[in-house]
Amino acid sequence: YKHHLFVCINSRPPGHPKGDCQGKGSPDVVYKLQEEIERRNPFSEVTVNGSTCLGPCQFGPTVVVYPDGVWYGNVTVADVPEIVEQHLVGGKPVERLLLTSILKAQGIPVP
């Protein structure tokens, strides 16, 4: 595949301090990504998989694009067409959704 996307769909018990991506709508993000990819028909180039915990739960839903190594945070269904068009088709990551951009905006040091 040209791109392999992993979307965290992990669930935790209600009230867990880390929260979870599933409770923030990640299953809908998976479905929308699959829908957009199906609409454009690049099945031989792009695949999407749900994943257990990817780590940055407080910034979920989290999406990782490989082999690019690009991590997105706070992804919503509304963000999916932009990710597909700008990143998967155009080759340019969506800056505002990059996990590093989100961390910097919150004053969290990024290695």
N, C-alpha and C. Protein backbone atom coordinates (compact mmCIF):
# COMPACT_ATOMS: atom_id res chain seq x y z
N TYR A 1 0.83 -1.20 0.00
CA TYR A 1 0.00 0.00 0.00
C TYR A 1 0.87 1.25 0.00
N LYS A 2 0.38 2.27 -0.65
CA LYS A 2 1.04 3.56 -0.61
C LYS A 2 0.84 4.20 0.77
N HIS A 3 -0.35 4.02 1.33
CA HIS A 3 -0.67 4.53 2.67
C HIS A 3 -1.43 3.47 3.44
N HIS A 4 -1.08 3.32 4.71
CA HIS A 4 -1.78 2.43 5.62
C HIS A 4 -2.15 3.28 6.83
N LEU A 5 -3.45 3.45 7.07
CA LEU A 5 -3.92 4.28 8.17
C LEU A 5 -4.40 3.40 9.31
N PHE A 6 -4.00 3.79 10.52
CA PHE A 6 -4.48 3.15 11.74
C PHE A 6 -5.25 4.20 12.53
N VAL A 7 -6.47 3.86 12.91
CA VAL A 7 -7.31 4.76 13.69
C VAL A 7 -7.58 4.08 15.03
N CYS A 8 -7.25 4.76 16.11
CA CYS A 8 -7.51 4.19 17.43
C CYS A 8 -9.01 4.09 17.65
N ILE A 9 -9.47 2.89 17.98
CA ILE A 9 -10.88 2.69 18.33
C ILE A 9 -10.97 2.09 19.73
N ASN A 10 -9.93 2.30 20.52
CA ASN A 10 -9.86 1.74 21.86
C ASN A 10 -10.96 2.30 22.76
N SER A 11 -11.43 1.45 23.65
CA SER A 11 -12.46 1.83 24.62
C SER A 11 -11.94 1.54 26.02
N ARG A 12 -12.29 2.41 26.96
CA ARG A 12 -11.94 2.22 28.36
C ARG A 12 -13.21 2.35 29.19
N PRO A 13 -13.16 1.91 30.45
CA PRO A 13 -14.34 2.05 31.31
C PRO A 13 -14.73 3.52 31.47
N PRO A 14 -16.01 3.79 31.62
CA PRO A 14 -16.46 5.18 31.84
C PRO A 14 -15.71 5.82 33.00
N GLY A 15 -15.32 7.08 32.80
CA GLY A 15 -14.63 7.83 33.85
C GLY A 15 -13.14 7.59 33.94
N HIS A 16 -12.61 6.76 33.05
CA HIS A 16 -11.16 6.50 33.09
C HIS A 16 -10.43 7.82 32.86
N PRO A 17 -9.38 8.12 33.63
CA PRO A 17 -8.70 9.42 33.52
C PRO A 17 -8.07 9.69 32.15
N LYS A 18 -7.69 8.66 31.41
CA LYS A 18 -7.09 8.89 30.08
C LYS A 18 -8.14 9.09 29.01
N GLY A 19 -9.39 8.73 29.29
CA GLY A 19 -10.41 8.79 28.26
C GLY A 19 -10.14 7.72 27.21
N ASP A 20 -10.83 7.81 26.09
CA ASP A 20 -10.59 6.87 25.01
C ASP A 20 -11.05 7.45 23.68
N CYS A 21 -10.49 6.93 22.61
CA CYS A 21 -10.82 7.44 21.28
C CYS A 21 -12.22 7.01 20.83
N GLN A 22 -12.64 5.81 21.23
CA GLN A 22 -13.96 5.34 20.82
C GLN A 22 -15.05 6.28 21.33
N GLY A 23 -14.92 6.71 22.57
CA GLY A 23 -15.89 7.62 23.15
C GLY A 23 -15.89 9.00 22.51
N LYS A 24 -14.85 9.30 21.74
CA LYS A 24 -14.75 10.59 21.05
C LYS A 24 -15.11 10.47 19.57
N GLY A 25 -15.67 9.33 19.17
CA GLY A 25 -16.17 9.20 17.81
C GLY A 25 -15.27 8.53 16.80
N SER A 26 -14.23 7.85 17.25
CA SER A 26 -13.30 7.26 16.30
C SER A 26 -13.91 6.19 15.38
N PRO A 27 -14.90 5.39 15.82
CA PRO A 27 -15.49 4.46 14.85
C PRO A 27 -16.10 5.18 13.65
N ASP A 28 -16.70 6.34 13.88
CA ASP A 28 -17.26 7.12 12.77
C ASP A 28 -16.16 7.64 11.85
N VAL A 29 -14.99 7.96 12.42
CA VAL A 29 -13.85 8.40 11.61
C VAL A 29 -13.39 7.27 10.71
N VAL A 30 -13.32 6.05 11.25
CA VAL A 30 -12.94 4.89 10.45
C VAL A 30 -13.91 4.72 9.28
N TYR A 31 -15.20 4.76 9.57
CA TYR A 31 -16.21 4.58 8.52
C TYR A 31 -16.11 5.66 7.45
N LYS A 32 -15.89 6.89 7.88
CA LYS A 32 -15.79 8.00 6.92
C LYS A 32 -14.54 7.85 6.07
N LEU A 33 -13.42 7.46 6.66
CA LEU A 33 -12.20 7.23 5.88
C LEU A 33 -12.44 6.13 4.85
N GLN A 34 -13.06 5.04 5.26
CA GLN A 34 -13.36 3.96 4.33
C GLN A 34 -14.28 4.43 3.21
N GLU A 35 -15.26 5.23 3.56
CA GLU A 35 -16.20 5.77 2.57
C GLU A 35 -15.49 6.66 1.56
N GLU A 36 -14.63 7.56 2.05
CA GLU A 36 -13.89 8.46 1.15
C GLU A 36 -12.95 7.68 0.24
N ILE A 37 -12.30 6.68 0.79
CA ILE A 37 -11.38 5.87 -0.01
C ILE A 37 -12.15 5.07 -1.05
N GLU A 38 -13.30 4.52 -0.64
CA GLU A 38 -14.13 3.77 -1.59
C GLU A 38 -14.64 4.69 -2.71
N ARG A 39 -15.02 5.89 -2.34
CA ARG A 39 -15.52 6.85 -3.32
C ARG A 39 -14.45 7.19 -4.37
N ARG A 40 -13.23 7.29 -3.93
CA ARG A 40 -12.11 7.61 -4.84
C ARG A 40 -11.52 6.36 -5.48
N ASN A 41 -11.83 5.19 -4.90
CA ASN A 41 -11.44 3.88 -5.41
C ASN A 41 -9.94 3.61 -5.47
N PRO A 42 -9.15 4.06 -4.49
CA PRO A 42 -7.73 3.67 -4.49
C PRO A 42 -7.45 2.48 -3.56
N PHE A 43 -8.34 1.46 -3.60
CA PHE A 43 -8.18 0.31 -2.70
C PHE A 43 -6.81 -0.33 -2.80
N SER A 44 -6.20 -0.29 -3.96
CA SER A 44 -4.89 -0.91 -4.10
C SER A 44 -3.78 -0.04 -3.52
N GLU A 45 -4.10 1.20 -3.18
CA GLU A 45 -3.10 2.13 -2.67
C GLU A 45 -3.25 2.49 -1.20
N VAL A 46 -4.48 2.41 -0.67
CA VAL A 46 -4.74 2.89 0.69
C VAL A 46 -5.60 1.86 1.43
N THR A 47 -5.24 1.60 2.68
CA THR A 47 -6.08 0.76 3.53
C THR A 47 -6.22 1.43 4.89
N VAL A 48 -7.33 1.13 5.56
CA VAL A 48 -7.63 1.71 6.87
C VAL A 48 -7.94 0.57 7.83
N ASN A 49 -7.34 0.63 9.01
CA ASN A 49 -7.61 -0.36 10.05
C ASN A 49 -7.89 0.34 11.36
N GLY A 50 -8.85 -0.21 12.11
CA GLY A 50 -9.04 0.21 13.48
C GLY A 50 -7.94 -0.41 14.32
N SER A 51 -7.56 0.27 15.38
CA SER A 51 -6.45 -0.19 16.22
C SER A 51 -6.82 -0.06 17.69
N THR A 52 -6.17 -0.87 18.50
CA THR A 52 -6.29 -0.63 19.94
C THR A 52 -5.45 0.60 20.26
N CYS A 53 -5.26 0.89 21.51
CA CYS A 53 -4.66 2.15 21.96
C CYS A 53 -3.34 2.48 21.25
N LEU A 54 -3.29 3.70 20.73
CA LEU A 54 -2.08 4.21 20.08
C LEU A 54 -1.28 5.11 21.03
N GLY A 55 -1.85 5.45 22.18
CA GLY A 55 -1.09 6.18 23.19
C GLY A 55 -1.61 7.55 23.58
N PRO A 56 -1.72 8.49 22.66
CA PRO A 56 -2.09 9.86 23.06
C PRO A 56 -3.61 10.03 23.22
N CYS A 57 -4.16 9.31 24.20
CA CYS A 57 -5.61 9.23 24.38
C CYS A 57 -6.28 10.60 24.55
N GLN A 58 -5.62 11.49 25.27
CA GLN A 58 -6.23 12.79 25.54
C GLN A 58 -6.36 13.64 24.27
N PHE A 59 -5.70 13.24 23.20
CA PHE A 59 -5.76 13.98 21.94
C PHE A 59 -6.46 13.18 20.85
N GLY A 60 -7.29 12.23 21.26
CA GLY A 60 -7.98 11.39 20.28
C GLY A 60 -9.24 12.02 19.76
N PRO A 61 -9.77 11.45 18.74
CA PRO A 61 -9.31 10.29 18.01
C PRO A 61 -7.96 10.53 17.33
N THR A 62 -7.13 9.50 17.44
CA THR A 62 -5.79 9.52 16.86
C THR A 62 -5.77 8.70 15.57
N VAL A 63 -5.13 9.26 14.55
CA VAL A 63 -4.95 8.57 13.26
C VAL A 63 -3.47 8.63 12.92
N VAL A 64 -2.91 7.48 12.54
CA VAL A 64 -1.51 7.42 12.13
C VAL A 64 -1.46 6.97 10.67
N VAL A 65 -0.66 7.68 9.88
CA VAL A 65 -0.51 7.36 8.47
C VAL A 65 0.90 6.82 8.24
N TYR A 66 0.95 5.58 7.79
CA TYR A 66 2.23 4.96 7.43
C TYR A 66 2.28 4.74 5.93
N PRO A 67 3.46 4.76 5.32
CA PRO A 67 4.78 4.78 5.93
C PRO A 67 5.26 6.18 6.30
N ASP A 68 4.41 7.18 6.16
CA ASP A 68 4.81 8.56 6.40
C ASP A 68 5.18 8.83 7.85
N GLY A 69 4.62 8.05 8.78
CA GLY A 69 4.88 8.30 10.19
C GLY A 69 4.21 9.57 10.68
N VAL A 70 3.09 9.94 10.06
CA VAL A 70 2.37 11.16 10.43
C VAL A 70 1.28 10.80 11.43
N TRP A 71 1.27 11.51 12.55
CA TRP A 71 0.28 11.31 13.60
C TRP A 71 -0.66 12.50 13.65
N TYR A 72 -1.96 12.20 13.57
CA TYR A 72 -3.00 13.22 13.69
C TYR A 72 -3.73 13.05 15.00
N GLY A 73 -4.20 14.16 15.57
CA GLY A 73 -4.98 14.13 16.79
C GLY A 73 -6.25 14.92 16.66
N ASN A 74 -7.20 14.61 17.54
CA ASN A 74 -8.50 15.30 17.57
C ASN A 74 -9.21 15.24 16.22
N VAL A 75 -9.07 14.13 15.53
CA VAL A 75 -9.66 13.99 14.19
C VAL A 75 -11.17 13.76 14.31
N THR A 76 -11.92 14.49 13.50
CA THR A 76 -13.37 14.32 13.44
C THR A 76 -13.76 13.84 12.05
N VAL A 77 -15.00 13.43 11.93
CA VAL A 77 -15.53 13.01 10.63
C VAL A 77 -15.39 14.15 9.62
N ALA A 78 -15.60 15.37 10.06
CA ALA A 78 -15.49 16.53 9.17
C ALA A 78 -14.08 16.74 8.64
N ASP A 79 -13.07 16.23 9.34
CA ASP A 79 -11.68 16.38 8.92
C ASP A 79 -11.26 15.38 7.84
N VAL A 80 -12.00 14.29 7.72
CA VAL A 80 -11.60 13.19 6.84
C VAL A 80 -11.40 13.61 5.39
N PRO A 81 -12.34 14.33 4.76
CA PRO A 81 -12.10 14.70 3.35
C PRO A 81 -10.82 15.50 3.15
N GLU A 82 -10.49 16.36 4.11
CA GLU A 82 -9.26 17.16 4.02
C GLU A 82 -8.03 16.27 4.13
N ILE A 83 -8.06 15.31 5.05
CA ILE A 83 -6.93 14.39 5.19
C ILE A 83 -6.75 13.59 3.90
N VAL A 84 -7.84 13.08 3.35
CA VAL A 84 -7.75 12.28 2.13
C VAL A 84 -7.24 13.13 0.97
N GLU A 85 -7.84 14.29 0.77
CA GLU A 85 -7.46 15.14 -0.38
C GLU A 85 -6.05 15.70 -0.24
N GLN A 86 -5.79 16.33 0.90
CA GLN A 86 -4.52 17.04 1.05
C GLN A 86 -3.35 16.09 1.31
N HIS A 87 -3.54 15.08 2.15
CA HIS A 87 -2.42 14.21 2.51
C HIS A 87 -2.32 12.98 1.61
N LEU A 88 -3.38 12.19 1.57
CA LEU A 88 -3.30 10.93 0.83
C LEU A 88 -3.19 11.13 -0.67
N VAL A 89 -3.90 12.12 -1.19
CA VAL A 89 -3.84 12.41 -2.63
C VAL A 89 -2.73 13.41 -2.95
N GLY A 90 -2.68 14.51 -2.18
CA GLY A 90 -1.75 15.59 -2.48
C GLY A 90 -0.36 15.46 -1.87
N GLY A 91 -0.20 14.57 -0.89
CA GLY A 91 1.11 14.35 -0.31
C GLY A 91 1.54 15.35 0.75
N LYS A 92 0.61 16.23 1.19
CA LYS A 92 0.95 17.25 2.19
C LYS A 92 0.10 17.04 3.44
N PRO A 93 0.73 16.69 4.56
CA PRO A 93 -0.04 16.50 5.79
C PRO A 93 -0.84 17.74 6.18
N VAL A 94 -1.95 17.52 6.87
CA VAL A 94 -2.83 18.60 7.33
C VAL A 94 -2.23 19.15 8.63
N GLU A 95 -1.57 20.26 8.52
CA GLU A 95 -0.78 20.85 9.61
C GLU A 95 -1.58 21.04 10.90
N ARG A 96 -2.78 21.55 10.80
CA ARG A 96 -3.57 21.87 12.00
C ARG A 96 -3.96 20.63 12.81
N LEU A 97 -3.93 19.46 12.17
CA LEU A 97 -4.30 18.22 12.84
C LEU A 97 -3.11 17.39 13.31
N LEU A 98 -1.90 17.83 12.94
CA LEU A 98 -0.72 17.08 13.34
C LEU A 98 -0.62 17.06 14.86
N LEU A 99 -0.34 15.91 15.41
CA LEU A 99 -0.24 15.80 16.86
C LEU A 99 0.83 16.74 17.41
N THR A 100 1.92 16.91 16.68
CA THR A 100 2.96 17.84 17.14
C THR A 100 2.44 19.27 17.17
N SER A 101 1.62 19.66 16.21
CA SER A 101 1.04 21.01 16.20
C SER A 101 0.09 21.20 17.38
N ILE A 102 -0.69 20.19 17.68
CA ILE A 102 -1.63 20.26 18.81
C ILE A 102 -0.86 20.38 20.12
N LEU A 103 0.19 19.60 20.28
CA LEU A 103 1.00 19.67 21.50
C LEU A 103 1.63 21.04 21.67
N LYS A 104 2.23 21.55 20.60
CA LYS A 104 2.87 22.88 20.65
C LYS A 104 1.86 23.96 21.00
N ALA A 105 0.66 23.88 20.43
CA ALA A 105 -0.37 24.88 20.69
C ALA A 105 -0.78 24.88 22.17
N GLN A 106 -0.63 23.75 22.82
CA GLN A 106 -0.98 23.63 24.24
C GLN A 106 0.23 23.85 25.14
N GLY A 107 1.36 24.23 24.55
CA GLY A 107 2.55 24.50 25.33
C GLY A 107 3.26 23.26 25.85
N ILE A 108 2.97 22.12 25.23
CA ILE A 108 3.60 20.87 25.65
C ILE A 108 4.86 20.67 24.82
N PRO A 109 6.01 20.47 25.46
CA PRO A 109 7.25 20.28 24.70
C PRO A 109 7.17 19.07 23.77
N VAL A 110 7.67 19.26 22.58
CA VAL A 110 7.69 18.19 21.58
C VAL A 110 9.14 17.79 21.33
N PRO A 111 9.44 16.49 21.50
CA PRO A 111 10.83 16.06 21.30
C PRO A 111 11.29 16.23 19.85
